[in-house]
Amino acid sequence: MTQVWLPYDTNPAPVVASVFRRIHTERMAVMPICNRALSVAVPAFERWQGDWVGVLVAPWAINLLILPGGGAFEALSVGMRQRWSFPSGDYDFLGSEEAGLGPYQSCSLFSPVSEFDTQDEAVAVARAALAGLLAVPPQARRTPVNRRAFLRSALGRSARP
């Protein structure tokens, strides 16, 4: 019987952390891909267009995650892709599902994570990645238009002193 998962009403970070700690203990701890300087952490999750977007630090990867919150999230079969448009651009996320967590989508930022020497460094990079994902790039920001200057330039007139 397939379990029906409801959207998360509250921040899913504690659930994500608990499930991925279990995954680390039960499946990943002995894998050579793991960076022993890192542990599972979920430094940030934010509401975004009705769903939850966050970042996961694990000894084997740093991933962006999207979990259902009542927005456009769709549970995808494992390995299927969905393109999400964020202020910083478009990104492909892979469908996944995990016992105790339900369906989620992930976008790999770093895998493996061997270049990180400390947990603090990995968490700082993860936070910066999430902030960058949700930030409007400077070139996309519109400068307020000065109507008078616009009309003068359109009419080929110079501004008066």
C-alpha atoms as a PDB file:
ATOM      1  CA  MET A   1       0.000   0.000   0.000  1.00  0.00           C
ATOM      2  CA  THR A   2       1.371   3.427  -0.977  1.00  0.00           C
ATOM      3  CA  GLN A   3       1.572   5.958   1.824  1.00  0.00           C
ATOM      4  CA  VAL A   4      -0.012   9.354   1.219  1.00  0.00           C
ATOM      5  CA  TRP A   5       2.230  12.202   2.325  1.00  0.00           C
ATOM      6  CA  LEU A   6       0.792  15.509   3.396  1.00  0.00           C
ATOM      7  CA  PRO A   7       2.568  18.802   2.865  1.00  0.00           C
ATOM      8  CA  TYR A   8       4.758  20.038   5.710  1.00  0.00           C
ATOM      9  CA  ASP A   9       2.968  22.786   7.648  1.00  0.00           C
ATOM     10  CA  THR A  10       6.047  23.615   9.685  1.00  0.00           C
ATOM     11  CA  ASN A  11       9.755  23.767   8.926  1.00  0.00           C
ATOM     12  CA  PRO A  12      10.838  20.218   7.942  1.00  0.00           C
ATOM     13  CA  ALA A  13      14.502  20.730   8.967  1.00  0.00           C
ATOM     14  CA  PRO A  14      14.302  18.578  12.144  1.00  0.00           C
ATOM     15  CA  VAL A  15      12.698  15.698  10.224  1.00  0.00           C
ATOM     16  CA  VAL A  16      15.248  15.951   7.397  1.00  0.00           C
ATOM     17  CA  ALA A  17      18.125  15.973   9.891  1.00  0.00           C
ATOM     18  CA  SER A  18      16.773  12.947  11.755  1.00  0.00           C
ATOM     19  CA  VAL A  19      16.195  10.897   8.598  1.00  0.00           C
ATOM     20  CA  PHE A  20      19.618  11.698   7.112  1.00  0.00           C
ATOM     21  CA  ARG A  21      21.375  10.921  10.413  1.00  0.00           C
ATOM     22  CA  ARG A  22      19.716   7.507  10.245  1.00  0.00           C
ATOM     23  CA  ILE A  23      20.827   7.116   6.610  1.00  0.00           C
ATOM     24  CA  HIS A  24      24.374   8.016   7.632  1.00  0.00           C
ATOM     25  CA  THR A  25      24.402   5.513  10.485  1.00  0.00           C
ATOM     26  CA  GLU A  26      22.677   2.653   8.654  1.00  0.00           C
ATOM     27  CA  ARG A  27      23.977   2.990   5.080  1.00  0.00           C
ATOM     28  CA  MET A  28      26.718   5.540   4.550  1.00  0.00           C
ATOM     29  CA  ALA A  29      29.089   5.634   7.550  1.00  0.00           C
ATOM     30  CA  VAL A  30      31.385   2.916   6.168  1.00  0.00           C
ATOM     31  CA  MET A  31      31.447   4.272   2.634  1.00  0.00           C
ATOM     32  CA  PRO A  32      34.798   5.706   1.510  1.00  0.00           C
ATOM     33  CA  ILE A  33      33.011   8.680  -0.081  1.00  0.00           C
ATOM     34  CA  CYS A  34      32.233  10.063   3.402  1.00  0.00           C
ATOM     35  CA  ASN A  35      34.249  12.952   4.802  1.00  0.00           C
ATOM     36  CA  ARG A  36      34.862  12.111   8.477  1.00  0.00           C
ATOM     37  CA  ALA A  37      35.176  15.823   9.335  1.00  0.00           C
ATOM     38  CA  LEU A  38      31.495  16.339   8.469  1.00  0.00           C
ATOM     39  CA  SER A  39      28.250  15.315  10.092  1.00  0.00           C
ATOM     40  CA  VAL A  40      24.622  15.628   9.037  1.00  0.00           C
ATOM     41  CA  ALA A  41      23.239  19.148   9.400  1.00  0.00           C
ATOM     42  CA  VAL A  42      20.315  21.071   7.980  1.00  0.00           C
ATOM     43  CA  PRO A  43      21.408  24.681   8.388  1.00  0.00           C
ATOM     44  CA  ALA A  44      18.434  26.328   6.701  1.00  0.00           C
ATOM     45  CA  PHE A  45      14.976  25.761   5.264  1.00  0.00           C
ATOM     46  CA  GLU A  46      12.702  28.512   3.998  1.00  0.00           C
ATOM     47  CA  ARG A  47       9.208  28.741   2.625  1.00  0.00           C
ATOM     48  CA  TRP A  48       9.318  29.365  -1.076  1.00  0.00           C
ATOM     49  CA  GLN A  49       6.230  29.652  -3.299  1.00  0.00           C
ATOM     50  CA  GLY A  50       4.256  27.496  -0.892  1.00  0.00           C
ATOM     51  CA  ASP A  51       6.831  24.712  -0.576  1.00  0.00           C
ATOM     52  CA  TRP A  52      10.029  24.309   1.469  1.00  0.00           C
ATOM     53  CA  VAL A  53      13.498  24.816   0.040  1.00  0.00           C
ATOM     54  CA  GLY A  54      16.557  24.109   2.128  1.00  0.00           C
ATOM     55  CA  VAL A  55      20.052  22.782   2.211  1.00  0.00           C
ATOM     56  CA  LEU A  56      21.457  19.544   3.603  1.00  0.00           C
ATOM     57  CA  VAL A  57      25.054  18.975   4.659  1.00  0.00           C
ATOM     58  CA  ALA A  58      25.987  15.299   4.876  1.00  0.00           C
ATOM     59  CA  PRO A  59      29.382  13.575   5.048  1.00  0.00           C
ATOM     60  CA  TRP A  60      28.893  12.478   1.425  1.00  0.00           C
ATOM     61  CA  ALA A  61      27.193  15.538  -0.176  1.00  0.00           C
ATOM     62  CA  ILE A  62      25.775  19.025   0.112  1.00  0.00           C
ATOM     63  CA  ASN A  63      22.373  19.199  -1.557  1.00  0.00           C
ATOM     64  CA  LEU A  64      19.563  21.653  -2.047  1.00  0.00           C
ATOM     65  CA  LEU A  65      16.245  20.051  -1.122  1.00  0.00           C
ATOM     66  CA  ILE A  66      12.626  20.847  -1.898  1.00  0.00           C
ATOM     67  CA  LEU A  67       9.858  19.352   0.218  1.00  0.00           C
ATOM     68  CA  PRO A  68       6.113  19.723  -0.201  1.00  0.00           C
ATOM     69  CA  GLY A  69       4.475  22.577   1.614  1.00  0.00           C
ATOM     70  CA  GLY A  70       1.310  23.003  -0.427  1.00  0.00           C
ATOM     71  CA  GLY A  71       2.810  24.745  -3.478  1.00  0.00           C
ATOM     72  CA  ALA A  72       3.763  23.333  -6.882  1.00  0.00           C
ATOM     73  CA  PHE A  73       5.824  20.408  -5.497  1.00  0.00           C
ATOM     74  CA  GLU A  74       5.161  17.100  -7.228  1.00  0.00           C
ATOM     75  CA  ALA A  75       6.227  13.716  -5.938  1.00  0.00           C
ATOM     76  CA  LEU A  76       8.414  12.326  -8.718  1.00  0.00           C
ATOM     77  CA  SER A  77       9.629   8.803  -9.278  1.00  0.00           C
ATOM     78  CA  VAL A  78      13.199   8.299  -8.119  1.00  0.00           C
ATOM     79  CA  GLY A  79      15.573   9.800 -10.681  1.00  0.00           C
ATOM     80  CA  MET A  80      12.915  11.797 -12.551  1.00  0.00           C
ATOM     81  CA  ARG A  81      13.657  15.523 -12.968  1.00  0.00           C
ATOM     82  CA  GLN A  82      11.699  18.691 -12.385  1.00  0.00           C
ATOM     83  CA  ARG A  83      13.011  22.121 -13.371  1.00  0.00           C
ATOM     84  CA  TRP A  84      12.464  24.844 -10.795  1.00  0.00           C
ATOM     85  CA  SER A  85      12.809  28.546 -11.544  1.00  0.00           C
ATOM     86  CA  PHE A  86      14.379  30.537  -8.733  1.00  0.00           C
ATOM     87  CA  PRO A  87      15.343  34.209  -8.690  1.00  0.00           C
ATOM     88  CA  SER A  88      18.940  33.197  -9.498  1.00  0.00           C
ATOM     89  CA  GLY A  89      18.032  30.906 -12.410  1.00  0.00           C
ATOM     90  CA  ASP A  90      16.582  27.530 -13.393  1.00  0.00           C
ATOM     91  CA  TYR A  91      17.737  24.321 -11.705  1.00  0.00           C
ATOM     92  CA  ASP A  92      16.927  20.640 -12.208  1.00  0.00           C
ATOM     93  CA  PHE A  93      15.984  18.643  -9.116  1.00  0.00           C
ATOM     94  CA  LEU A  94      15.763  14.850  -8.918  1.00  0.00           C
ATOM     95  CA  GLY A  95      12.839  13.057  -7.373  1.00  0.00           C
ATOM     96  CA  SER A  96      13.420  10.869  -4.349  1.00  0.00           C
ATOM     97  CA  GLU A  97      11.588   9.364  -1.404  1.00  0.00           C
ATOM     98  CA  GLU A  98      12.786   8.234   1.975  1.00  0.00           C
ATOM     99  CA  ALA A  99      11.002   6.424   4.816  1.00  0.00           C
ATOM    100  CA  GLY A 100      10.122   8.882   7.547  1.00  0.00           C
ATOM    101  CA  LEU A 101      10.522  11.858   5.215  1.00  0.00           C
ATOM    102  CA  GLY A 102       8.334  11.105   2.231  1.00  0.00           C
ATOM    103  CA  PRO A 103       8.863  12.483  -1.246  1.00  0.00           C
ATOM    104  CA  TYR A 104      11.431  15.196  -1.800  1.00  0.00           C
ATOM    105  CA  GLN A 105      13.557  16.591  -4.590  1.00  0.00           C
ATOM    106  CA  SER A 106      17.296  17.259  -4.477  1.00  0.00           C
ATOM    107  CA  CYS A 107      19.887  19.178  -6.429  1.00  0.00           C
ATOM    108  CA  SER A 108      23.501  18.223  -5.771  1.00  0.00           C
ATOM    109  CA  LEU A 109      25.877  21.085  -5.004  1.00  0.00           C
ATOM    110  CA  PHE A 110      28.932  19.070  -3.894  1.00  0.00           C
ATOM    111  CA  SER A 111      29.490  15.333  -4.065  1.00  0.00           C
ATOM    112  CA  PRO A 112      31.788  14.146  -2.718  1.00  0.00           C
ATOM    113  CA  VAL A 113      32.597  16.787  -0.110  1.00  0.00           C
ATOM    114  CA  SER A 114      36.288  16.009   0.305  1.00  0.00           C
ATOM    115  CA  GLU A 115      37.306  19.672  -0.185  1.00  0.00           C
ATOM    116  CA  PHE A 116      35.769  20.682   3.163  1.00  0.00           C
ATOM    117  CA  ASP A 117      38.067  20.582   6.189  1.00  0.00           C
ATOM    118  CA  THR A 118      35.491  21.491   8.838  1.00  0.00           C
ATOM    119  CA  GLN A 119      31.784  21.293   9.538  1.00  0.00           C
ATOM    120  CA  ASP A 120      31.642  25.073   9.964  1.00  0.00           C
ATOM    121  CA  GLU A 121      33.082  25.572   6.478  1.00  0.00           C
ATOM    122  CA  ALA A 122      30.558  23.179   4.901  1.00  0.00           C
ATOM    123  CA  VAL A 123      27.630  24.790   6.749  1.00  0.00           C
ATOM    124  CA  ALA A 124      28.759  28.295   5.717  1.00  0.00           C
ATOM    125  CA  VAL A 125      28.950  27.232   2.067  1.00  0.00           C
ATOM    126  CA  ALA A 126      25.535  25.552   2.305  1.00  0.00           C
ATOM    127  CA  ARG A 127      23.947  28.687   3.791  1.00  0.00           C
ATOM    128  CA  ALA A 128      25.568  30.868   1.121  1.00  0.00           C
ATOM    129  CA  ALA A 129      24.312  28.534  -1.622  1.00  0.00           C
ATOM    130  CA  LEU A 130      20.729  28.750  -0.380  1.00  0.00           C
ATOM    131  CA  ALA A 131      20.943  32.535  -0.050  1.00  0.00           C
ATOM    132  CA  GLY A 132      22.371  32.739  -3.576  1.00  0.00           C
ATOM    133  CA  LEU A 133      19.624  30.506  -4.945  1.00  0.00           C
ATOM    134  CA  LEU A 134      16.927  32.812  -3.609  1.00  0.00           C
ATOM    135  CA  ALA A 135      18.659  36.113  -4.405  1.00  0.00           C
ATOM    136  CA  VAL A 136      17.948  38.109  -7.517  1.00  0.00           C
ATOM    137  CA  PRO A 137      21.244  38.500  -9.420  1.00  0.00           C
ATOM    138  CA  PRO A 138      22.446  42.128  -9.554  1.00  0.00           C
ATOM    139  CA  GLN A 139      22.131  42.310 -13.358  1.00  0.00           C
ATOM    140  CA  ALA A 140      18.457  41.300 -13.086  1.00  0.00           C
ATOM    141  CA  ARG A 141      17.563  44.060 -10.641  1.00  0.00           C
ATOM    142  CA  ARG A 142      15.790  46.942 -12.249  1.00  0.00           C
ATOM    143  CA  THR A 143      16.831  50.461 -11.478  1.00  0.00           C
ATOM    144  CA  PRO A 144      13.916  52.794 -10.898  1.00  0.00           C
ATOM    145  CA  VAL A 145      13.237  54.696 -14.095  1.00  0.00           C
ATOM    146  CA  ASN A 146      13.415  58.483 -13.968  1.00  0.00           C
ATOM    147  CA  ARG A 147      10.609  59.383 -16.336  1.00  0.00           C
ATOM    148  CA  ARG A 148      12.035  62.787 -17.213  1.00  0.00           C
ATOM    149  CA  ALA A 149      15.486  61.363 -18.038  1.00  0.00           C
ATOM    150  CA  PHE A 150      13.913  58.513 -20.033  1.00  0.00           C
ATOM    151  CA  LEU A 151      11.787  60.882 -22.114  1.00  0.00           C
ATOM    152  CA  ARG A 152      14.715  63.214 -22.730  1.00  0.00           C
ATOM    153  CA  SER A 153      16.894  60.342 -23.939  1.00  0.00           C
ATOM    154  CA  ALA A 154      14.082  58.943 -26.074  1.00  0.00           C
ATOM    155  CA  LEU A 155      13.546  62.353 -27.667  1.00  0.00           C
ATOM    156  CA  GLY A 156      17.283  62.935 -28.084  1.00  0.00           C
ATOM    157  CA  ARG A 157      17.375  65.945 -25.799  1.00  0.00           C
ATOM    158  CA  SER A 158      20.046  66.592 -23.238  1.00  0.00           C
ATOM    159  CA  ALA A 159      19.236  67.156 -19.600  1.00  0.00           C
ATOM    160  CA  ARG A 160      19.076  70.732 -18.392  1.00  0.00           C
ATOM    161  CA  PRO A 161      21.449  71.917 -15.684  1.00  0.00           C
END
